[in-house]
Every structure is written in structure tokens, then in C-alpha cells.
């Protein structure tokens, strides 16, 4: 008798951590490219505390520059930045310094130019309140999160996954 059972022997199959959080990363990677994501996340370090308060990097425009020997078009990247009108003149003076910081962070000339657009920039305190979701988790949600990791023996990993689960659950509603 040939009993070919096509079911896996185990119900739970181990997965890589990167595979399990792909859905979370997809939200960020589909909105921004790699360079844009890094610039957005590191903007206070790149622009400094003063300019990060009065400016927001918007997007990167790719402008065709030249064609190489193969016939492929080489693009120039320009970063569009919204700057509060009160700080726009000073930002213009420090444009080269900020551009140099961006390119030195990447190690190559990732951005060729900064395009300044004067717009109203909301106060960072207001933005942080909007971005942070201070919703409390229900008891059922807390129990579900802790039940998922109760079999783990490593306490640090367990605590990290519980915190990750709580933050994801807070942000999803």
C-alpha cells in the first residue's frame, strides 16, 4: 500500500522573521523608494534640528540627463523640499551644505539638486500627535498577542515580539 499523504507533518512551519513582517515593510517600500525612505527617516540628522522643524522632504524627481554607451538613459535625482516661508531664505543659503550631507550619507552623488517649495509646515508637535496613535488595546488584543509568543523561552525575544505586536495592533485601527 502506498499511503502518500500530501499534508505537511507539522501544522506550524518555521518562517523567517523577515517574511513575517513583509506586509509591514510593503507599506513603506511602496510609498517611497529606498533613497526617499532613508532621507525621510534621517531628515533631522541630515538637515539639522532647525531646518527639520521648518522643512519636510517631499519626493524625488528623476530627470533624464544623458544616454550611456549602451543607449540607457541616465537620470538625475532632485529632492523636492517644502520649506516654511520664514526659513526659506536661510534654507536657500544652506542648500549646498544640506545637499553635501545627503550625498556624504549615501557615499555617492544620490541627489544632484534641491528644489525648494515654500509651503506651510505644521508644527512638529501637532504632527507627532497625529502620527502617534494613543489608542489603548483591548484585553482580547493583549491576550492574543501574548498567546502567540507564550511558547518562546528567550525572554528578550518574547518581550520584543510582544511590543512589536502591540505597536502594529495600535497602528492598524
N, C-alpha and C. Protein backbone atom coordinates (compact mmCIF):
# COMPACT_ATOMS: atom_id res chain seq x y z
N UNK A 1 0.83 -1.19 0.00
CA UNK A 1 0.00 0.00 0.00
C UNK A 1 0.87 1.25 0.00
N UNK A 2 0.48 2.14 -0.82
CA UNK A 2 1.20 3.40 -0.90
C UNK A 2 0.32 4.49 -0.31
N UNK A 3 0.71 4.94 0.83
CA UNK A 3 -0.06 6.00 1.51
C UNK A 3 0.67 7.32 1.36
N UNK A 4 0.52 7.94 0.26
CA UNK A 4 1.13 9.26 0.06
C UNK A 4 0.21 10.31 0.66
N UNK A 5 0.62 10.78 1.77
CA UNK A 5 -0.14 11.83 2.44
C UNK A 5 0.53 13.16 2.09
N UNK A 6 -0.14 14.02 1.40
CA UNK A 6 0.45 15.27 0.92
C UNK A 6 0.43 16.37 1.98
N UNK A 7 -0.14 16.09 3.14
CA UNK A 7 -0.17 17.08 4.21
C UNK A 7 1.23 17.20 4.82
N UNK A 8 1.59 18.40 5.23
CA UNK A 8 2.86 18.51 5.96
C UNK A 8 2.76 17.79 7.29
N UNK A 9 3.91 17.32 7.76
CA UNK A 9 3.91 16.58 9.02
C UNK A 9 3.59 17.46 10.21
N UNK A 10 3.86 18.74 10.07
CA UNK A 10 3.62 19.66 11.18
C UNK A 10 2.62 20.72 10.75
N UNK A 11 1.88 21.19 11.71
CA UNK A 11 0.93 22.28 11.45
C UNK A 11 1.69 23.61 11.32
N UNK A 12 2.65 23.81 12.21
CA UNK A 12 3.40 25.07 12.23
C UNK A 12 4.72 24.85 11.53
N UNK A 13 5.00 25.63 10.52
CA UNK A 13 6.27 25.56 9.81
C UNK A 13 7.04 26.83 10.13
N UNK A 14 8.27 26.73 10.62
CA UNK A 14 9.04 27.92 10.97
C UNK A 14 9.23 28.83 9.76
N UNK A 15 9.17 30.12 10.02
CA UNK A 15 9.34 31.11 8.97
C UNK A 15 10.40 32.11 9.40
N UNK A 16 11.00 32.74 8.42
CA UNK A 16 11.95 33.80 8.71
C UNK A 16 11.21 35.03 9.24
N UNK A 17 11.84 35.75 10.15
CA UNK A 17 11.22 36.95 10.71
C UNK A 17 10.95 37.96 9.60
N UNK A 18 11.88 38.07 8.64
CA UNK A 18 11.70 39.00 7.53
C UNK A 18 10.47 38.69 6.69
N UNK A 19 10.16 37.39 6.55
CA UNK A 19 8.98 37.01 5.78
C UNK A 19 7.70 37.37 6.52
N UNK A 20 7.73 37.28 7.84
CA UNK A 20 6.52 37.55 8.60
C UNK A 20 6.17 39.03 8.65
N UNK A 21 7.17 39.90 8.55
CA UNK A 21 6.86 41.33 8.61
C UNK A 21 6.92 41.99 7.23
N UNK A 22 6.85 41.18 6.17
CA UNK A 22 6.85 41.73 4.81
C UNK A 22 5.71 42.69 4.57
N UNK A 23 4.55 42.38 5.14
CA UNK A 23 3.38 43.24 4.94
C UNK A 23 3.62 44.63 5.50
N UNK A 24 4.32 44.70 6.63
CA UNK A 24 4.61 46.00 7.24
C UNK A 24 5.57 46.77 6.34
N UNK A 25 6.63 46.11 5.90
CA UNK A 25 7.62 46.77 5.05
C UNK A 25 7.02 47.19 3.72
N UNK A 26 6.07 46.43 3.21
CA UNK A 26 5.46 46.75 1.91
C UNK A 26 4.78 48.12 1.96
N UNK A 27 4.18 48.46 3.10
CA UNK A 27 3.52 49.77 3.22
C UNK A 27 4.52 50.90 3.03
N UNK A 28 5.73 50.75 3.58
CA UNK A 28 6.73 51.79 3.45
C UNK A 28 7.42 51.76 2.10
N UNK A 29 7.76 50.57 1.63
CA UNK A 29 8.51 50.48 0.38
C UNK A 29 7.68 50.84 -0.83
N UNK A 30 6.35 50.66 -0.76
CA UNK A 30 5.54 51.04 -1.90
C UNK A 30 5.31 52.55 -1.95
N UNK A 31 5.39 53.20 -0.80
CA UNK A 31 5.19 54.65 -0.76
C UNK A 31 6.46 55.40 -1.17
N UNK A 32 7.60 54.89 -0.74
CA UNK A 32 8.87 55.55 -1.00
C UNK A 32 9.83 54.57 -1.67
N UNK A 33 10.80 55.10 -2.40
CA UNK A 33 11.92 54.29 -2.85
C UNK A 33 12.92 54.21 -1.71
N UNK A 34 13.99 53.47 -1.90
CA UNK A 34 14.98 53.30 -0.83
C UNK A 34 15.62 54.62 -0.45
N UNK A 35 16.02 55.41 -1.43
CA UNK A 35 16.67 56.69 -1.14
C UNK A 35 15.69 57.62 -0.43
N UNK A 36 14.46 57.68 -0.93
CA UNK A 36 13.45 58.54 -0.30
C UNK A 36 13.16 58.13 1.13
N UNK A 37 13.06 56.83 1.37
CA UNK A 37 12.78 56.35 2.71
C UNK A 37 13.90 56.74 3.67
N UNK A 38 15.13 56.58 3.24
CA UNK A 38 16.27 56.93 4.10
C UNK A 38 16.29 58.43 4.36
N UNK A 39 16.04 59.24 3.34
CA UNK A 39 16.04 60.69 3.54
C UNK A 39 14.92 61.10 4.49
N UNK A 40 13.72 60.52 4.32
CA UNK A 40 12.61 60.84 5.22
C UNK A 40 12.91 60.44 6.65
N UNK A 41 13.47 59.26 6.84
CA UNK A 41 13.70 58.79 8.20
C UNK A 41 14.89 59.48 8.87
N UNK A 42 15.86 59.92 8.10
CA UNK A 42 17.06 60.57 8.65
C UNK A 42 17.07 62.08 8.48
N UNK A 43 15.94 62.68 8.11
CA UNK A 43 15.90 64.11 7.83
C UNK A 43 16.38 64.98 8.98
N UNK A 44 16.00 64.72 10.24
CA UNK A 44 16.53 65.56 11.32
C UNK A 44 18.05 65.50 11.44
N UNK A 45 18.65 64.34 11.17
CA UNK A 45 20.11 64.23 11.20
C UNK A 45 20.75 64.95 10.01
N UNK A 46 20.13 64.84 8.86
CA UNK A 46 20.69 65.44 7.64
C UNK A 46 20.55 66.96 7.66
N UNK A 47 19.35 67.45 7.93
CA UNK A 47 19.08 68.89 7.84
C UNK A 47 19.44 69.64 9.11
N UNK A 48 19.53 68.96 10.22
CA UNK A 48 19.78 69.63 11.49
C UNK A 48 18.46 69.95 12.18
N UNK A 49 18.54 70.26 13.45
CA UNK A 49 17.32 70.45 14.25
C UNK A 49 16.50 71.65 13.79
N UNK A 50 17.16 72.74 13.39
CA UNK A 50 16.42 73.93 12.98
C UNK A 50 15.65 73.68 11.68
N UNK A 51 16.35 73.20 10.65
CA UNK A 51 15.70 73.01 9.35
C UNK A 51 14.72 71.84 9.36
N UNK A 52 14.95 70.85 10.20
CA UNK A 52 13.99 69.74 10.26
C UNK A 52 12.66 70.21 10.85
N UNK A 53 12.71 71.27 11.63
CA UNK A 53 11.48 71.82 12.21
C UNK A 53 10.69 72.63 11.18
N UNK A 54 11.39 73.24 10.23
CA UNK A 54 10.75 74.13 9.27
C UNK A 54 10.73 73.59 7.84
N UNK A 55 11.09 72.33 7.65
CA UNK A 55 11.09 71.77 6.30
C UNK A 55 10.71 70.30 6.34
N UNK A 56 10.18 69.84 5.21
CA UNK A 56 9.81 68.44 5.06
C UNK A 56 10.23 67.99 3.66
N UNK A 57 11.00 66.90 3.56
CA UNK A 57 11.32 66.40 2.22
C UNK A 57 10.07 65.77 1.61
N UNK A 58 9.74 66.14 0.39
CA UNK A 58 8.51 65.65 -0.23
C UNK A 58 8.75 64.40 -1.08
N UNK A 59 9.47 64.54 -2.17
CA UNK A 59 9.72 63.41 -3.06
C UNK A 59 10.96 63.67 -3.88
N UNK A 60 11.33 62.66 -4.65
CA UNK A 60 12.49 62.78 -5.52
C UNK A 60 12.00 62.77 -6.97
N UNK A 61 12.41 63.78 -7.72
CA UNK A 61 12.09 63.84 -9.15
C UNK A 61 13.27 63.30 -9.92
N UNK A 62 12.99 62.41 -10.84
CA UNK A 62 14.04 61.85 -11.70
C UNK A 62 13.96 62.53 -13.05
N UNK A 63 15.03 63.19 -13.43
CA UNK A 63 15.08 63.94 -14.68
C UNK A 63 16.12 63.29 -15.59
N UNK A 64 15.74 62.96 -16.84
CA UNK A 64 16.70 62.34 -17.76
C UNK A 64 17.88 63.28 -18.01
N UNK A 65 19.09 62.72 -17.97
CA UNK A 65 20.29 63.53 -18.13
C UNK A 65 21.00 63.20 -19.44
N UNK A 66 21.61 62.03 -19.53
CA UNK A 66 22.36 61.65 -20.72
C UNK A 66 22.10 60.17 -21.02
N UNK A 67 22.55 59.73 -22.17
CA UNK A 67 22.50 58.31 -22.50
C UNK A 67 23.90 57.75 -22.46
N UNK A 68 24.03 56.52 -21.91
CA UNK A 68 25.35 55.91 -21.87
C UNK A 68 25.65 55.20 -23.19
N UNK A 69 26.76 54.43 -23.24
CA UNK A 69 27.20 53.78 -24.48
C UNK A 69 26.19 52.75 -24.96
N UNK A 70 25.46 52.13 -24.03
CA UNK A 70 24.51 51.07 -24.37
C UNK A 70 23.20 51.66 -24.88
N UNK A 71 22.96 52.91 -24.59
CA UNK A 71 21.72 53.55 -25.01
C UNK A 71 20.72 53.71 -23.88
N UNK A 72 21.13 53.38 -22.65
CA UNK A 72 20.25 53.55 -21.49
C UNK A 72 20.30 55.00 -21.03
N UNK A 73 19.17 55.50 -20.58
CA UNK A 73 19.09 56.87 -20.11
C UNK A 73 19.57 56.94 -18.67
N UNK A 74 20.45 57.88 -18.39
CA UNK A 74 20.93 58.13 -17.04
C UNK A 74 20.11 59.29 -16.49
N UNK A 75 19.61 59.11 -15.25
CA UNK A 75 18.75 60.11 -14.64
C UNK A 75 19.48 60.88 -13.54
N UNK A 76 19.06 62.12 -13.36
CA UNK A 76 19.49 62.94 -12.22
C UNK A 76 18.35 62.94 -11.21
N UNK A 77 18.69 62.86 -9.94
CA UNK A 77 17.69 62.90 -8.88
C UNK A 77 17.68 64.28 -8.23
N UNK A 78 16.49 64.88 -8.14
CA UNK A 78 16.33 66.15 -7.45
C UNK A 78 15.35 65.95 -6.31
N UNK A 79 15.72 66.41 -5.13
CA UNK A 79 14.87 66.29 -3.96
C UNK A 79 14.00 67.54 -3.83
N UNK A 80 12.69 67.34 -3.79
CA UNK A 80 11.75 68.45 -3.57
C UNK A 80 11.50 68.58 -2.08
N UNK A 81 11.71 69.78 -1.56
CA UNK A 81 11.59 70.03 -0.13
C UNK A 81 10.61 71.17 0.09
N UNK A 82 9.64 70.95 0.97
CA UNK A 82 8.74 72.03 1.38
C UNK A 82 9.36 72.74 2.57
N UNK A 83 9.46 74.05 2.45
CA UNK A 83 10.09 74.85 3.50
C UNK A 83 9.14 75.95 3.90
N UNK A 84 9.06 76.21 5.20
CA UNK A 84 8.23 77.31 5.69
C UNK A 84 8.79 78.62 5.15
N UNK A 85 7.92 79.55 4.77
CA UNK A 85 8.40 80.82 4.20
C UNK A 85 9.37 81.57 5.11
N UNK A 86 9.20 81.44 6.42
CA UNK A 86 10.08 82.15 7.34
C UNK A 86 11.52 81.64 7.27
N UNK A 87 11.71 80.37 6.92
CA UNK A 87 13.05 79.79 6.90
C UNK A 87 13.57 79.55 5.49
N UNK A 88 12.79 79.93 4.47
CA UNK A 88 13.15 79.61 3.10
C UNK A 88 14.45 80.29 2.65
N UNK A 89 14.64 81.53 3.00
CA UNK A 89 15.85 82.24 2.58
C UNK A 89 17.10 81.61 3.20
N UNK A 90 17.01 81.31 4.48
CA UNK A 90 18.15 80.69 5.16
C UNK A 90 18.40 79.27 4.61
N UNK A 91 17.33 78.56 4.32
CA UNK A 91 17.46 77.22 3.74
C UNK A 91 18.16 77.30 2.39
N UNK A 92 17.83 78.33 1.61
CA UNK A 92 18.46 78.55 0.31
C UNK A 92 19.97 78.74 0.48
N UNK A 93 20.39 79.48 1.52
CA UNK A 93 21.81 79.71 1.76
C UNK A 93 22.53 78.42 2.16
N UNK A 94 21.85 77.54 2.89
CA UNK A 94 22.46 76.30 3.37
C UNK A 94 22.15 75.11 2.46
N UNK A 95 21.60 75.37 1.29
CA UNK A 95 21.20 74.31 0.36
C UNK A 95 22.39 73.42 -0.01
N UNK A 96 23.52 74.02 -0.32
CA UNK A 96 24.69 73.23 -0.71
C UNK A 96 25.19 72.36 0.44
N UNK A 97 25.15 72.88 1.64
CA UNK A 97 25.59 72.11 2.81
C UNK A 97 24.67 70.92 3.05
N UNK A 98 23.38 71.12 2.93
CA UNK A 98 22.42 70.03 3.13
C UNK A 98 22.57 68.99 2.02
N UNK A 99 22.77 69.45 0.81
CA UNK A 99 23.00 68.55 -0.33
C UNK A 99 24.26 67.72 -0.12
N UNK A 100 25.30 68.36 0.39
CA UNK A 100 26.55 67.65 0.67
C UNK A 100 26.36 66.61 1.77
N UNK A 101 25.57 66.94 2.79
CA UNK A 101 25.30 65.98 3.87
C UNK A 101 24.53 64.76 3.35
N UNK A 102 23.56 65.00 2.48
CA UNK A 102 22.79 63.89 1.91
C UNK A 102 23.71 62.98 1.11
N UNK A 103 24.51 63.55 0.24
CA UNK A 103 25.38 62.76 -0.62
C UNK A 103 26.50 62.07 0.17
N UNK A 104 27.00 62.71 1.21
CA UNK A 104 28.02 62.05 2.02
C UNK A 104 27.42 60.91 2.84
N UNK A 105 26.15 61.02 3.18
CA UNK A 105 25.48 59.94 3.90
C UNK A 105 25.38 58.69 3.02
N UNK A 106 25.08 58.88 1.73
CA UNK A 106 24.97 57.74 0.82
C UNK A 106 26.32 57.29 0.28
N UNK A 107 27.30 58.18 0.27
CA UNK A 107 28.62 57.83 -0.23
C UNK A 107 28.78 58.05 -1.73
N UNK A 108 27.78 58.55 -2.36
CA UNK A 108 27.85 58.89 -3.78
C UNK A 108 26.87 60.02 -4.04
N UNK A 109 26.88 60.54 -5.26
CA UNK A 109 26.03 61.68 -5.58
C UNK A 109 24.61 61.21 -5.87
N UNK A 110 23.85 60.91 -4.80
CA UNK A 110 22.50 60.39 -4.93
C UNK A 110 21.53 61.49 -5.37
N UNK A 111 21.73 62.69 -4.87
CA UNK A 111 20.86 63.83 -5.18
C UNK A 111 21.72 64.92 -5.82
N UNK A 112 21.28 65.40 -6.98
CA UNK A 112 22.03 66.43 -7.71
C UNK A 112 21.65 67.83 -7.23
N UNK A 113 20.35 68.04 -6.92
CA UNK A 113 19.88 69.38 -6.59
C UNK A 113 18.71 69.31 -5.62
N UNK A 114 18.51 70.38 -4.88
CA UNK A 114 17.34 70.52 -4.01
C UNK A 114 16.42 71.56 -4.62
N UNK A 115 15.15 71.23 -4.75
CA UNK A 115 14.14 72.16 -5.24
C UNK A 115 13.31 72.60 -4.04
N UNK A 116 13.30 73.89 -3.79
CA UNK A 116 12.61 74.43 -2.61
C UNK A 116 11.23 74.91 -3.01
N UNK A 117 10.23 74.48 -2.24
CA UNK A 117 8.86 74.95 -2.42
C UNK A 117 8.42 75.54 -1.08
N UNK A 118 7.98 76.79 -1.13
CA UNK A 118 7.54 77.42 0.11
C UNK A 118 6.10 77.01 0.39
N UNK A 119 5.91 76.34 1.50
CA UNK A 119 4.60 75.88 1.95
C UNK A 119 4.49 76.04 3.44
N UNK A 120 3.27 76.00 3.91
CA UNK A 120 3.04 76.00 5.35
C UNK A 120 3.49 74.64 5.89
N UNK A 121 4.31 74.66 6.92
CA UNK A 121 4.77 73.44 7.58
C UNK A 121 4.10 73.39 8.94
N UNK A 122 3.28 72.35 9.21
CA UNK A 122 2.64 72.26 10.51
C UNK A 122 3.67 72.06 11.61
N UNK A 123 3.29 72.51 12.78
CA UNK A 123 4.16 72.38 13.95
C UNK A 123 4.44 70.90 14.20
N UNK A 124 5.68 70.56 14.51
CA UNK A 124 6.06 69.17 14.73
C UNK A 124 5.27 68.52 15.86
N UNK A 125 4.92 69.29 16.87
CA UNK A 125 4.16 68.73 17.99
C UNK A 125 2.78 68.27 17.52
N UNK A 126 2.16 69.06 16.65
CA UNK A 126 0.85 68.67 16.10
C UNK A 126 0.99 67.42 15.24
N UNK A 127 2.06 67.36 14.43
CA UNK A 127 2.28 66.21 13.56
C UNK A 127 2.48 64.94 14.36
N UNK A 128 3.26 65.04 15.42
CA UNK A 128 3.53 63.86 16.24
C UNK A 128 2.25 63.33 16.88
N UNK A 129 1.37 64.23 17.28
CA UNK A 129 0.11 63.79 17.86
C UNK A 129 -0.73 63.04 16.82
N UNK A 130 -0.71 63.53 15.59
CA UNK A 130 -1.47 62.88 14.53
C UNK A 130 -0.86 61.53 14.18
N UNK A 131 0.49 61.49 14.08
CA UNK A 131 1.15 60.26 13.69
C UNK A 131 1.08 59.19 14.77
N UNK A 132 1.18 59.58 16.02
CA UNK A 132 1.16 58.59 17.10
C UNK A 132 -0.28 58.25 17.43
N UNK A 133 -0.57 56.99 17.45
CA UNK A 133 -1.90 56.53 17.78
C UNK A 133 -1.89 56.11 19.25
N UNK A 134 -2.56 56.83 20.10
CA UNK A 134 -2.54 56.55 21.53
C UNK A 134 -3.71 55.68 21.96
N UNK A 135 -4.24 54.91 21.08
CA UNK A 135 -5.36 54.03 21.38
C UNK A 135 -4.91 52.94 22.33
N UNK A 136 -5.74 52.62 23.30
CA UNK A 136 -5.45 51.53 24.22
C UNK A 136 -5.92 50.22 23.62
N UNK A 137 -5.15 49.16 23.86
CA UNK A 137 -5.51 47.84 23.36
C UNK A 137 -6.58 47.22 24.25
N UNK A 138 -7.45 46.45 23.64
CA UNK A 138 -8.46 45.72 24.43
C UNK A 138 -7.80 44.52 25.07
N UNK A 139 -8.46 43.96 26.06
CA UNK A 139 -7.93 42.78 26.74
C UNK A 139 -7.80 41.60 25.79
N UNK A 140 -8.72 41.49 24.85
CA UNK A 140 -8.67 40.39 23.87
C UNK A 140 -7.44 40.54 22.99
N UNK A 141 -7.14 41.77 22.56
CA UNK A 141 -5.97 42.01 21.73
C UNK A 141 -4.68 41.70 22.50
N UNK A 142 -4.61 42.13 23.76
CA UNK A 142 -3.44 41.84 24.59
C UNK A 142 -3.24 40.34 24.75
N UNK A 143 -4.34 39.63 25.01
CA UNK A 143 -4.27 38.17 25.21
C UNK A 143 -3.83 37.48 23.92
N UNK A 144 -4.34 37.92 22.80
CA UNK A 144 -3.98 37.33 21.50
C UNK A 144 -2.49 37.50 21.24
N UNK A 145 -1.97 38.66 21.55
CA UNK A 145 -0.54 38.93 21.32
C UNK A 145 0.32 38.06 22.22
N UNK A 146 -0.02 37.99 23.50
CA UNK A 146 0.79 37.19 24.42
C UNK A 146 0.66 35.70 24.16
N UNK A 147 -0.50 35.25 23.67
CA UNK A 147 -0.67 33.83 23.35
C UNK A 147 0.21 33.40 22.18
N UNK A 148 0.46 34.32 21.27
CA UNK A 148 1.28 34.00 20.10
C UNK A 148 2.72 33.66 20.48
N UNK A 149 3.24 34.25 21.56
CA UNK A 149 4.65 34.08 21.92
C UNK A 149 4.85 33.30 23.22
N UNK A 150 3.81 32.71 23.75
CA UNK A 150 3.96 32.06 25.05
C UNK A 150 4.88 30.85 25.02
N UNK A 151 5.10 30.24 23.87
CA UNK A 151 5.96 29.08 23.76
C UNK A 151 7.45 29.41 23.68
N UNK A 152 7.79 30.67 23.54
CA UNK A 152 9.19 31.06 23.42
C UNK A 152 9.88 31.03 24.78
N UNK A 153 11.14 30.59 24.78
CA UNK A 153 11.88 30.53 26.04
C UNK A 153 12.76 31.76 26.25
N UNK A 154 13.15 32.43 25.18
CA UNK A 154 14.00 33.62 25.27
C UNK A 154 13.15 34.82 25.67
N UNK A 155 13.38 35.32 26.90
CA UNK A 155 12.55 36.40 27.44
C UNK A 155 12.70 37.70 26.65
N UNK A 156 13.92 38.03 26.23
CA UNK A 156 14.13 39.27 25.48
C UNK A 156 13.39 39.24 24.14
N UNK A 157 13.49 38.11 23.44
CA UNK A 157 12.79 37.97 22.17
C UNK A 157 11.28 38.03 22.38
N UNK A 158 10.83 37.38 23.44
CA UNK A 158 9.40 37.37 23.76
C UNK A 158 8.88 38.79 24.00
N UNK A 159 9.62 39.56 24.82
CA UNK A 159 9.22 40.94 25.12
C UNK A 159 9.24 41.81 23.87
N UNK A 160 10.26 41.63 23.02
CA UNK A 160 10.35 42.40 21.79
C UNK A 160 9.19 42.12 20.86
N UNK A 161 8.84 40.85 20.72
CA UNK A 161 7.72 40.49 19.85
C UNK A 161 6.39 40.98 20.40
N UNK A 162 6.24 40.96 21.72
CA UNK A 162 5.01 41.49 22.34
C UNK A 162 4.89 42.98 22.05
N UNK A 163 6.00 43.72 22.23
CA UNK A 163 5.98 45.17 21.95
C UNK A 163 5.70 45.45 20.48
N UNK A 164 6.31 44.66 19.59
CA UNK A 164 6.06 44.81 18.17
C UNK A 164 4.59 44.56 17.85
N UNK A 165 4.04 43.50 18.41
CA UNK A 165 2.63 43.18 18.19
C UNK A 165 1.69 44.26 18.69
N UNK A 166 2.01 44.83 19.84
CA UNK A 166 1.18 45.91 20.40
C UNK A 166 1.22 47.15 19.50
N UNK A 167 2.42 47.50 19.02
CA UNK A 167 2.54 48.68 18.16
C UNK A 167 1.85 48.48 16.81
N UNK A 168 1.97 47.29 16.26
CA UNK A 168 1.31 47.01 14.99
C UNK A 168 -0.20 47.06 15.17
N UNK A 169 -0.70 46.47 16.26
CA UNK A 169 -2.13 46.44 16.51
C UNK A 169 -2.66 47.85 16.74
N UNK A 170 -1.91 48.67 17.46
CA UNK A 170 -2.32 50.07 17.68
C UNK A 170 -2.43 50.82 16.36
N UNK A 171 -1.47 50.61 15.48
CA UNK A 171 -1.42 51.35 14.23
C UNK A 171 -2.40 50.85 13.19
N UNK A 172 -2.93 49.64 13.37
CA UNK A 172 -3.80 49.08 12.33
C UNK A 172 -5.24 49.54 12.42
N UNK A 173 -5.64 50.16 13.49
CA UNK A 173 -7.03 50.60 13.62
C UNK A 173 -7.16 52.08 13.70
